PDB file of all heavy atoms in Angstrom:
ATOM      1  N   GLN A   1      69.140 129.258 -24.218  1.00  0.00           N
ATOM      2  CA  GLN A   1      68.610 130.614 -24.126  1.00  0.00           C
ATOM      3  C   GLN A   1      69.598 131.605 -24.726  1.00  0.00           C
ATOM      4  O   GLN A   1      69.264 132.498 -25.471  1.00  0.00           O
ATOM      5  CB  GLN A   1      68.285 130.958 -22.654  1.00  0.00           C
ATOM      6  CG  GLN A   1      67.770 132.339 -22.489  1.00  0.00           C
ATOM      7  CD  GLN A   1      67.658 132.740 -21.019  1.00  0.00           C
ATOM      8  OE1 GLN A   1      68.411 132.220 -20.143  1.00  0.00           O
ATOM      9  NE2 GLN A   1      66.707 133.659 -20.694  1.00  0.00           N
ATOM     10  N   GLY A   2      70.921 131.393 -24.417  1.00  0.00           N
ATOM     11  CA  GLY A   2      71.945 132.286 -24.826  1.00  0.00           C
ATOM     12  C   GLY A   2      72.107 132.315 -26.343  1.00  0.00           C
ATOM     13  O   GLY A   2      72.124 133.316 -27.042  1.00  0.00           O
ATOM     14  N   LEU A   3      72.259 131.079 -26.907  1.00  0.00           N
ATOM     15  CA  LEU A   3      72.471 130.967 -28.411  1.00  0.00           C
ATOM     16  C   LEU A   3      71.302 131.342 -29.231  1.00  0.00           C
ATOM     17  O   LEU A   3      71.448 131.869 -30.309  1.00  0.00           O
ATOM     18  CB  LEU A   3      72.905 129.525 -28.770  1.00  0.00           C
ATOM     19  CG  LEU A   3      73.353 129.236 -30.141  1.00  0.00           C
ATOM     20  CD1 LEU A   3      74.554 130.184 -30.533  1.00  0.00           C
ATOM     21  CD2 LEU A   3      73.732 127.779 -30.366  1.00  0.00           C
ATOM     22  N   SER A   4      70.123 131.160 -28.678  1.00  0.00           N
ATOM     23  CA  SER A   4      68.916 131.549 -29.420  1.00  0.00           C
ATOM     24  C   SER A   4      68.838 133.065 -29.642  1.00  0.00           C
ATOM     25  O   SER A   4      68.135 133.478 -30.548  1.00  0.00           O
ATOM     26  CB  SER A   4      67.644 131.087 -28.629  1.00  0.00           C
ATOM     27  OG  SER A   4      67.445 131.795 -27.428  1.00  0.00           O
ATOM     28  N   ARG A   5      69.528 133.827 -28.905  1.00  0.00           N
ATOM     29  CA  ARG A   5      69.509 135.304 -29.042  1.00  0.00           C
ATOM     30  C   ARG A   5      70.275 135.698 -30.332  1.00  0.00           C
ATOM     31  O   ARG A   5      69.955 136.841 -30.817  1.00  0.00           O
ATOM     32  CB  ARG A   5      70.119 135.995 -27.791  1.00  0.00           C
ATOM     33  CG  ARG A   5      69.371 135.934 -26.564  1.00  0.00           C
ATOM     34  CD  ARG A   5      70.066 136.678 -25.422  1.00  0.00           C
ATOM     35  NE  ARG A   5      71.451 136.334 -25.260  1.00  0.00           N
ATOM     36  CZ  ARG A   5      72.471 137.181 -25.278  1.00  0.00           C
ATOM     37  NH1 ARG A   5      72.287 138.495 -25.540  1.00  0.00           N
ATOM     38  NH2 ARG A   5      73.724 136.739 -25.123  1.00  0.00           N
ATOM     39  N   SER A   6      71.229 134.909 -30.693  1.00  0.00           N
ATOM     40  CA  SER A   6      72.060 135.343 -31.807  1.00  0.00           C
ATOM     41  C   SER A   6      72.070 134.412 -33.030  1.00  0.00           C
ATOM     42  O   SER A   6      72.548 134.791 -34.067  1.00  0.00           O
ATOM     43  CB  SER A   6      73.489 135.442 -31.301  1.00  0.00           C
ATOM     44  OG  SER A   6      73.972 134.219 -30.806  1.00  0.00           O
ATOM     45  N   VAL A   7      71.476 133.287 -32.993  1.00  0.00           N
ATOM     46  CA  VAL A   7      71.645 132.192 -34.064  1.00  0.00           C
ATOM     47  C   VAL A   7      71.164 132.793 -35.386  1.00  0.00           C
ATOM     48  O   VAL A   7      71.734 132.574 -36.442  1.00  0.00           O
ATOM     49  CB  VAL A   7      71.018 130.943 -33.631  1.00  0.00           C
ATOM     50  CG1 VAL A   7      69.501 131.071 -33.518  1.00  0.00           C
ATOM     51  CG2 VAL A   7      71.379 129.833 -34.614  1.00  0.00           C
ATOM     52  N   ILE A   8      70.013 133.473 -35.386  1.00  0.00           N
ATOM     53  CA  ILE A   8      69.488 133.905 -36.715  1.00  0.00           C
ATOM     54  C   ILE A   8      70.319 135.038 -37.258  1.00  0.00           C
ATOM     55  O   ILE A   8      70.458 135.154 -38.458  1.00  0.00           O
ATOM     56  CB  ILE A   8      68.026 134.359 -36.497  1.00  0.00           C
ATOM     57  CG1 ILE A   8      67.141 133.145 -36.059  1.00  0.00           C
ATOM     58  CG2 ILE A   8      67.386 135.025 -37.791  1.00  0.00           C
ATOM     59  CD1 ILE A   8      65.674 133.471 -35.846  1.00  0.00           C
ATOM     60  N   MET A   9      70.971 135.849 -36.360  1.00  0.00           N
ATOM     61  CA  MET A   9      71.796 136.960 -36.816  1.00  0.00           C
ATOM     62  C   MET A   9      73.047 136.413 -37.539  1.00  0.00           C
ATOM     63  O   MET A   9      73.598 137.063 -38.399  1.00  0.00           O
ATOM     64  CB  MET A   9      72.253 137.780 -35.634  1.00  0.00           C
ATOM     65  CG  MET A   9      72.923 139.106 -35.963  1.00  0.00           C
ATOM     66  SD  MET A   9      71.756 140.267 -36.823  1.00  0.00           S
ATOM     67  CE  MET A   9      72.762 141.630 -37.082  1.00  0.00           C
ATOM     68  N   PHE A  10      73.459 135.157 -37.229  1.00  0.00           N
ATOM     69  CA  PHE A  10      74.566 134.537 -37.998  1.00  0.00           C
ATOM     70  C   PHE A  10      74.274 134.487 -39.462  1.00  0.00           C
ATOM     71  O   PHE A  10      75.139 134.406 -40.265  1.00  0.00           O
ATOM     72  CB  PHE A  10      74.866 133.191 -37.423  1.00  0.00           C
ATOM     73  CG  PHE A  10      75.463 133.067 -36.077  1.00  0.00           C
ATOM     74  CD1 PHE A  10      75.431 131.980 -35.331  1.00  0.00           C
ATOM     75  CD2 PHE A  10      76.148 134.177 -35.564  1.00  0.00           C
ATOM     76  CE1 PHE A  10      75.960 131.894 -34.076  1.00  0.00           C
ATOM     77  CE2 PHE A  10      76.702 134.118 -34.231  1.00  0.00           C
ATOM     78  CZ  PHE A  10      76.591 133.013 -33.538  1.00  0.00           C
ATOM     79  N   PHE A  11      72.985 134.452 -39.816  1.00  0.00           N
ATOM     80  CA  PHE A  11      72.578 134.277 -41.173  1.00  0.00           C
ATOM     81  C   PHE A  11      71.875 135.529 -41.761  1.00  0.00           C
ATOM     82  O   PHE A  11      71.012 135.490 -42.551  1.00  0.00           O
ATOM     83  CB  PHE A  11      71.646 133.040 -41.283  1.00  0.00           C
ATOM     84  CG  PHE A  11      72.206 131.790 -40.835  1.00  0.00           C
ATOM     85  CD1 PHE A  11      72.022 131.399 -39.574  1.00  0.00           C
ATOM     86  CD2 PHE A  11      72.827 130.974 -41.681  1.00  0.00           C
ATOM     87  CE1 PHE A  11      72.528 130.114 -39.113  1.00  0.00           C
ATOM     88  CE2 PHE A  11      73.391 129.765 -41.292  1.00  0.00           C
ATOM     89  CZ  PHE A  11      73.202 129.341 -40.027  1.00  0.00           C
ATOM     90  N   GLY A  12      72.478 136.666 -41.330  1.00  0.00           N
ATOM     91  CA  GLY A  12      72.000 137.938 -41.808  1.00  0.00           C
ATOM     92  C   GLY A  12      70.599 138.287 -41.383  1.00  0.00           C
ATOM     93  O   GLY A  12      69.922 139.050 -41.991  1.00  0.00           O
ATOM     94  N   ASN A  13      70.258 137.709 -40.176  1.00  0.00           N
ATOM     95  CA  ASN A  13      68.974 138.001 -39.584  1.00  0.00           C
ATOM     96  C   ASN A  13      67.844 137.422 -40.512  1.00  0.00           C
ATOM     97  O   ASN A  13      66.706 137.950 -40.431  1.00  0.00           O
ATOM     98  CB  ASN A  13      68.714 139.431 -39.275  1.00  0.00           C
ATOM     99  CG  ASN A  13      67.802 139.642 -38.029  1.00  0.00           C
ATOM    100  OD1 ASN A  13      67.774 138.774 -37.171  1.00  0.00           O
ATOM    101  ND2 ASN A  13      67.102 140.754 -38.046  1.00  0.00           N
ATOM    102  N   SER A  14      68.092 136.467 -41.347  1.00  0.00           N
ATOM    103  CA  SER A  14      67.065 135.801 -42.190  1.00  0.00           C
ATOM    104  C   SER A  14      66.666 134.500 -41.569  1.00  0.00           C
ATOM    105  O   SER A  14      67.429 133.458 -41.538  1.00  0.00           O
ATOM    106  CB  SER A  14      67.706 135.647 -43.584  1.00  0.00           C
ATOM    107  OG  SER A  14      66.825 134.833 -44.411  1.00  0.00           O
ATOM    108  N   THR A  15      65.393 134.403 -41.206  1.00  0.00           N
ATOM    109  CA  THR A  15      64.787 133.165 -40.690  1.00  0.00           C
ATOM    110  C   THR A  15      64.822 132.022 -41.724  1.00  0.00           C
ATOM    111  O   THR A  15      65.225 130.918 -41.439  1.00  0.00           O
ATOM    112  CB  THR A  15      63.439 133.448 -40.192  1.00  0.00           C
ATOM    113  OG1 THR A  15      63.409 134.390 -39.142  1.00  0.00           O
ATOM    114  CG2 THR A  15      62.782 132.112 -39.557  1.00  0.00           C
ATOM    115  N   ILE A  16      64.496 132.428 -42.896  1.00  0.00           N
ATOM    116  CA  ILE A  16      64.401 131.437 -44.047  1.00  0.00           C
ATOM    117  C   ILE A  16      65.781 130.791 -44.308  1.00  0.00           C
ATOM    118  O   ILE A  16      65.956 129.641 -44.402  1.00  0.00           O
ATOM    119  CB  ILE A  16      63.932 132.130 -45.366  1.00  0.00           C
ATOM    120  CG1 ILE A  16      62.508 132.563 -45.174  1.00  0.00           C
ATOM    121  CG2 ILE A  16      64.035 131.175 -46.495  1.00  0.00           C
ATOM    122  CD1 ILE A  16      61.843 133.277 -46.303  1.00  0.00           C
ATOM    123  N   ILE A  17      66.854 131.652 -44.338  1.00  0.00           N
ATOM    124  CA  ILE A  17      68.203 131.107 -44.613  1.00  0.00           C
ATOM    125  C   ILE A  17      68.614 130.248 -43.413  1.00  0.00           C
ATOM    126  O   ILE A  17      69.263 129.149 -43.599  1.00  0.00           O
ATOM    127  CB  ILE A  17      69.223 132.322 -44.871  1.00  0.00           C
ATOM    128  CG1 ILE A  17      68.832 132.960 -46.212  1.00  0.00           C
ATOM    129  CG2 ILE A  17      70.643 131.757 -44.992  1.00  0.00           C
ATOM    130  CD1 ILE A  17      69.701 134.189 -46.471  1.00  0.00           C
ATOM    131  N   THR A  18      68.320 130.692 -42.235  1.00  0.00           N
ATOM    132  CA  THR A  18      68.611 129.939 -41.041  1.00  0.00           C
ATOM    133  C   THR A  18      68.007 128.524 -41.096  1.00  0.00           C
ATOM    134  O   THR A  18      68.659 127.477 -40.900  1.00  0.00           O
ATOM    135  CB  THR A  18      68.213 130.655 -39.764  1.00  0.00           C
ATOM    136  OG1 THR A  18      68.657 131.946 -39.734  1.00  0.00           O
ATOM    137  CG2 THR A  18      68.588 129.853 -38.481  1.00  0.00           C
ATOM    138  N   LEU A  19      66.720 128.464 -41.498  1.00  0.00           N
ATOM    139  CA  LEU A  19      66.025 127.148 -41.595  1.00  0.00           C
ATOM    140  C   LEU A  19      66.598 126.332 -42.694  1.00  0.00           C
ATOM    141  O   LEU A  19      66.688 125.119 -42.512  1.00  0.00           O
ATOM    142  CB  LEU A  19      64.579 127.390 -41.765  1.00  0.00           C
ATOM    143  CG  LEU A  19      63.787 127.965 -40.506  1.00  0.00           C
ATOM    144  CD1 LEU A  19      62.330 128.340 -40.851  1.00  0.00           C
ATOM    145  CD2 LEU A  19      63.777 126.884 -39.342  1.00  0.00           C
ATOM    146  N   LEU A  20      66.909 126.945 -43.869  1.00  0.00           N
ATOM    147  CA  LEU A  20      67.466 126.221 -44.955  1.00  0.00           C
ATOM    148  C   LEU A  20      68.841 125.595 -44.567  1.00  0.00           C
ATOM    149  O   LEU A  20      69.122 124.411 -44.933  1.00  0.00           O
ATOM    150  CB  LEU A  20      67.618 127.144 -46.144  1.00  0.00           C
ATOM    151  CG  LEU A  20      66.378 127.394 -46.900  1.00  0.00           C
ATOM    152  CD1 LEU A  20      66.690 128.454 -48.045  1.00  0.00           C
ATOM    153  CD2 LEU A  20      65.804 126.140 -47.600  1.00  0.00           C
ATOM    154  N   PHE A  21      69.614 126.350 -43.903  1.00  0.00           N
ATOM    155  CA  PHE A  21      70.908 125.837 -43.447  1.00  0.00           C
ATOM    156  C   PHE A  21      70.712 124.608 -42.544  1.00  0.00           C
ATOM    157  O   PHE A  21      71.389 123.627 -42.687  1.00  0.00           O
ATOM    158  CB  PHE A  21      71.767 126.902 -42.672  1.00  0.00           C
ATOM    159  CG  PHE A  21      72.963 126.354 -42.068  1.00  0.00           C
ATOM    160  CD1 PHE A  21      74.164 126.154 -42.754  1.00  0.00           C
ATOM    161  CD2 PHE A  21      72.947 125.984 -40.609  1.00  0.00           C
ATOM    162  CE1 PHE A  21      75.259 125.647 -42.077  1.00  0.00           C
ATOM    163  CE2 PHE A  21      74.055 125.442 -40.024  1.00  0.00           C
ATOM    164  CZ  PHE A  21      75.278 125.310 -40.760  1.00  0.00           C
ATOM    165  N   TRP A  22      69.852 124.715 -41.613  1.00  0.00           N
ATOM    166  CA  TRP A  22      69.617 123.616 -40.632  1.00  0.00           C
ATOM    167  C   TRP A  22      69.054 122.425 -41.402  1.00  0.00           C
ATOM    168  O   TRP A  22      69.504 121.335 -41.174  1.00  0.00           O
ATOM    169  CB  TRP A  22      68.599 123.978 -39.585  1.00  0.00           C
ATOM    170  CG  TRP A  22      68.317 122.917 -38.610  1.00  0.00           C
ATOM    171  CD1 TRP A  22      69.095 122.475 -37.583  1.00  0.00           C
ATOM    172  CD2 TRP A  22      67.222 121.950 -38.704  1.00  0.00           C
ATOM    173  NE1 TRP A  22      68.513 121.366 -37.000  1.00  0.00           N
ATOM    174  CE2 TRP A  22      67.455 120.983 -37.626  1.00  0.00           C
ATOM    175  CE3 TRP A  22      66.106 121.790 -39.542  1.00  0.00           C
ATOM    176  CZ2 TRP A  22      66.563 119.941 -37.452  1.00  0.00           C
ATOM    177  CZ3 TRP A  22      65.276 120.778 -39.330  1.00  0.00           C
ATOM    178  CH2 TRP A  22      65.446 119.835 -38.266  1.00  0.00           C
ATOM    179  N   ALA A  23      68.050 122.665 -42.315  1.00  0.00           N
ATOM    180  CA  ALA A  23      67.550 121.509 -43.044  1.00  0.00           C
ATOM    181  C   ALA A  23      68.614 120.790 -43.909  1.00  0.00           C
ATOM    182  O   ALA A  23      68.666 119.552 -43.929  1.00  0.00           O
ATOM    183  CB  ALA A  23      66.313 122.009 -43.923  1.00  0.00           C
ATOM    184  N   VAL A  24      69.376 121.563 -44.640  1.00  0.00           N
ATOM    185  CA  VAL A  24      70.324 120.908 -45.548  1.00  0.00           C
ATOM    186  C   VAL A  24      71.363 120.228 -44.709  1.00  0.00           C
ATOM    187  O   VAL A  24      71.809 119.040 -45.057  1.00  0.00           O
ATOM    188  CB  VAL A  24      70.979 122.023 -46.407  1.00  0.00           C
ATOM    189  CG1 VAL A  24      72.145 121.430 -47.240  1.00  0.00           C
ATOM    190  CG2 VAL A  24      69.948 122.586 -47.376  1.00  0.00           C
ATOM    191  N   SER A  25      71.884 120.832 -43.580  1.00  0.00           N
ATOM    192  CA  SER A  25      72.990 120.230 -42.818  1.00  0.00           C
ATOM    193  C   SER A  25      72.528 119.127 -41.979  1.00  0.00           C
ATOM    194  O   SER A  25      73.332 118.308 -41.527  1.00  0.00           O
ATOM    195  CB  SER A  25      73.651 121.300 -42.094  1.00  0.00           C
ATOM    196  OG  SER A  25      72.820 122.005 -41.146  1.00  0.00           O
ATOM    197  N   THR A  26      71.178 118.997 -41.712  1.00  0.00           N
ATOM    198  CA  THR A  26      70.681 117.982 -40.755  1.00  0.00           C
ATOM    199  C   THR A  26      69.937 116.912 -41.460  1.00  0.00           C
ATOM    200  O   THR A  26      70.105 115.678 -41.210  1.00  0.00           O
ATOM    201  CB  THR A  26      69.749 118.612 -39.725  1.00  0.00           C
ATOM    202  OG1 THR A  26      70.438 119.750 -39.066  1.00  0.00           O
ATOM    203  CG2 THR A  26      69.353 117.604 -38.688  1.00  0.00           C
TER     204      THR A  26
END
């Protein structure tokens, strides 16, 4: 719950970049 509040903000608040990072690294 806590990390979900901020995780997308780590990537400039871009959902697409967040998903790309996860897909590439996973």
